[in-house]
N, C-alpha and C. Protein backbone atom coordinates (compact mmCIF):
# COMPACT_ATOMS: atom_id res chain seq x y z
N MET A 1 49.89 115.66 70.25
CA MET A 1 50.42 116.29 71.43
C MET A 1 51.05 115.26 72.38
N PHE A 2 50.31 114.21 72.71
CA PHE A 2 50.83 113.15 73.55
C PHE A 2 50.92 111.88 72.74
N LYS A 3 51.96 111.10 73.00
CA LYS A 3 52.14 109.82 72.29
C LYS A 3 52.22 108.69 73.30
N TYR A 4 51.58 107.61 72.97
CA TYR A 4 51.55 106.45 73.86
C TYR A 4 51.93 105.19 73.09
N VAL A 5 52.42 104.19 73.78
CA VAL A 5 52.74 102.91 73.17
C VAL A 5 51.44 102.23 72.76
N GLN A 6 51.40 101.79 71.51
CA GLN A 6 50.20 101.11 71.01
C GLN A 6 50.42 99.61 70.86
N MET A 7 51.68 99.18 70.82
CA MET A 7 51.99 97.78 70.61
C MET A 7 53.12 97.39 71.54
N THR A 8 53.06 96.18 72.07
CA THR A 8 54.14 95.68 72.90
C THR A 8 54.76 94.46 72.24
N LEU A 9 56.02 94.19 72.57
CA LEU A 9 56.75 93.09 71.98
C LEU A 9 57.39 92.28 73.07
N ALA A 10 57.20 90.97 73.05
CA ALA A 10 57.84 90.04 73.99
C ALA A 10 58.77 89.19 73.16
N SER A 11 60.03 89.08 73.57
CA SER A 11 60.98 88.42 72.69
C SER A 11 61.96 87.52 73.42
N ASN A 12 62.37 86.49 72.74
CA ASN A 12 63.54 85.71 73.10
C ASN A 12 64.23 85.40 71.77
N ASN A 13 65.22 84.58 71.76
CA ASN A 13 65.97 84.33 70.52
C ASN A 13 65.21 83.49 69.50
N HIS A 14 64.13 82.85 69.91
CA HIS A 14 63.49 81.89 69.02
C HIS A 14 62.06 82.22 68.63
N ALA A 15 61.33 82.91 69.45
CA ALA A 15 59.91 83.12 69.14
C ALA A 15 59.42 84.48 69.62
N PRO A 16 59.79 85.57 68.94
CA PRO A 16 59.26 86.88 69.33
C PRO A 16 57.77 86.95 69.09
N LYS A 17 57.04 87.59 70.00
CA LYS A 17 55.59 87.73 69.87
C LYS A 17 55.20 89.19 70.11
N TYR A 18 54.03 89.56 69.61
CA TYR A 18 53.58 90.93 69.77
C TYR A 18 52.08 90.98 70.06
N GLY A 19 51.65 92.09 70.62
CA GLY A 19 50.23 92.31 70.88
C GLY A 19 50.01 93.78 71.19
N THR A 20 48.77 94.21 71.23
CA THR A 20 48.47 95.58 71.58
C THR A 20 48.50 95.73 73.09
N VAL A 21 48.59 96.97 73.56
CA VAL A 21 48.61 97.24 74.98
C VAL A 21 47.35 96.66 75.62
N GLY A 22 47.53 95.93 76.72
CA GLY A 22 46.41 95.34 77.42
C GLY A 22 46.04 93.94 76.97
N THR A 23 46.68 93.42 75.91
CA THR A 23 46.41 92.08 75.43
C THR A 23 46.97 91.05 76.39
N SER A 24 46.16 90.04 76.71
CA SER A 24 46.63 88.93 77.54
C SER A 24 47.72 88.18 76.79
N LYS A 25 48.75 87.70 77.50
CA LYS A 25 49.89 87.05 76.81
C LYS A 25 49.47 85.83 76.00
N ARG A 26 48.36 85.20 76.34
CA ARG A 26 47.95 84.03 75.56
C ARG A 26 47.43 84.42 74.16
N PHE A 27 47.16 85.70 73.95
CA PHE A 27 46.68 86.17 72.65
C PHE A 27 47.75 86.88 71.83
N TYR A 28 48.98 86.91 72.33
CA TYR A 28 50.08 87.52 71.54
C TYR A 28 50.30 86.68 70.29
N ALA A 29 50.62 87.33 69.18
CA ALA A 29 50.84 86.65 67.91
C ALA A 29 52.34 86.45 67.67
N LEU A 30 52.71 85.41 66.97
CA LEU A 30 54.10 85.13 66.63
C LEU A 30 54.56 86.13 65.57
N TRP A 31 55.69 86.77 65.80
CA TRP A 31 56.27 87.73 64.84
C TRP A 31 57.02 86.95 63.76
N THR A 32 56.70 87.21 62.52
CA THR A 32 57.43 86.56 61.42
C THR A 32 57.90 87.63 60.44
N GLU A 33 59.03 87.38 59.82
CA GLU A 33 59.60 88.29 58.84
C GLU A 33 59.37 87.72 57.45
N GLU A 34 59.08 88.59 56.49
CA GLU A 34 58.96 88.14 55.11
C GLU A 34 60.31 87.70 54.63
N GLY A 35 60.39 86.58 53.97
CA GLY A 35 61.66 86.08 53.45
C GLY A 35 62.49 85.35 54.48
N GLY A 36 61.93 85.00 55.62
CA GLY A 36 62.64 84.26 56.65
C GLY A 36 63.44 85.16 57.56
N LEU A 37 64.25 84.54 58.41
CA LEU A 37 65.01 85.27 59.40
C LEU A 37 66.49 85.36 59.08
N ASP A 38 66.90 84.98 57.87
CA ASP A 38 68.31 85.04 57.51
C ASP A 38 68.67 86.48 57.18
N LEU A 39 69.43 87.12 58.08
CA LEU A 39 69.79 88.53 57.91
C LEU A 39 71.26 88.70 57.57
N THR A 40 71.94 87.61 57.21
CA THR A 40 73.38 87.70 56.93
C THR A 40 73.67 88.62 55.76
N HIS A 41 72.74 88.76 54.84
CA HIS A 41 72.98 89.65 53.68
C HIS A 41 73.14 91.11 54.12
N LEU A 42 72.67 91.46 55.32
CA LEU A 42 72.80 92.82 55.81
C LEU A 42 74.19 93.14 56.32
N ILE A 43 74.97 92.11 56.65
CA ILE A 43 76.28 92.37 57.23
C ILE A 43 77.44 91.89 56.36
N GLU A 44 77.15 91.25 55.25
CA GLU A 44 78.23 90.80 54.36
C GLU A 44 79.06 91.98 53.86
N GLY A 45 80.36 91.92 54.04
CA GLY A 45 81.25 92.98 53.55
C GLY A 45 81.24 94.23 54.43
N ARG A 46 80.59 94.19 55.58
CA ARG A 46 80.50 95.35 56.46
C ARG A 46 81.82 95.58 57.16
N VAL A 47 82.23 96.83 57.24
CA VAL A 47 83.45 97.19 57.97
C VAL A 47 83.08 97.50 59.42
N LEU A 48 83.82 96.94 60.37
CA LEU A 48 83.54 97.16 61.78
C LEU A 48 83.81 98.60 62.17
N SER A 49 82.90 99.18 62.95
CA SER A 49 83.09 100.52 63.48
C SER A 49 83.84 100.42 64.80
N GLU A 50 84.25 101.56 65.32
CA GLU A 50 84.95 101.57 66.62
C GLU A 50 84.02 101.04 67.73
N LEU A 51 82.73 101.32 67.65
CA LEU A 51 81.80 100.81 68.65
C LEU A 51 81.66 99.30 68.58
N ASP A 52 81.77 98.73 67.37
CA ASP A 52 81.71 97.28 67.24
C ASP A 52 82.88 96.60 67.93
N LYS A 53 84.00 97.30 68.03
CA LYS A 53 85.22 96.73 68.57
C LYS A 53 85.31 96.85 70.10
N VAL A 54 84.44 97.63 70.70
CA VAL A 54 84.47 97.86 72.14
C VAL A 54 83.96 96.61 72.85
N LYS A 55 84.70 96.16 73.86
CA LYS A 55 84.28 95.01 74.67
C LYS A 55 83.96 95.49 76.06
N ASP A 56 82.88 94.99 76.63
CA ASP A 56 82.50 95.35 78.01
C ASP A 56 83.32 94.65 79.02
């Protein structure tokens, strides 16, 4: 019936961290991805959409 946030994420470009709601920031864990952080394989050969071309 009601849904609440169970996990929070603190991020910058170099060291994203996560913890459960109410966790002190000193106990946040470092977020790691399996296989490293190289995501270029997701965009190789991708065609730009109209939204990709919009500049603010």
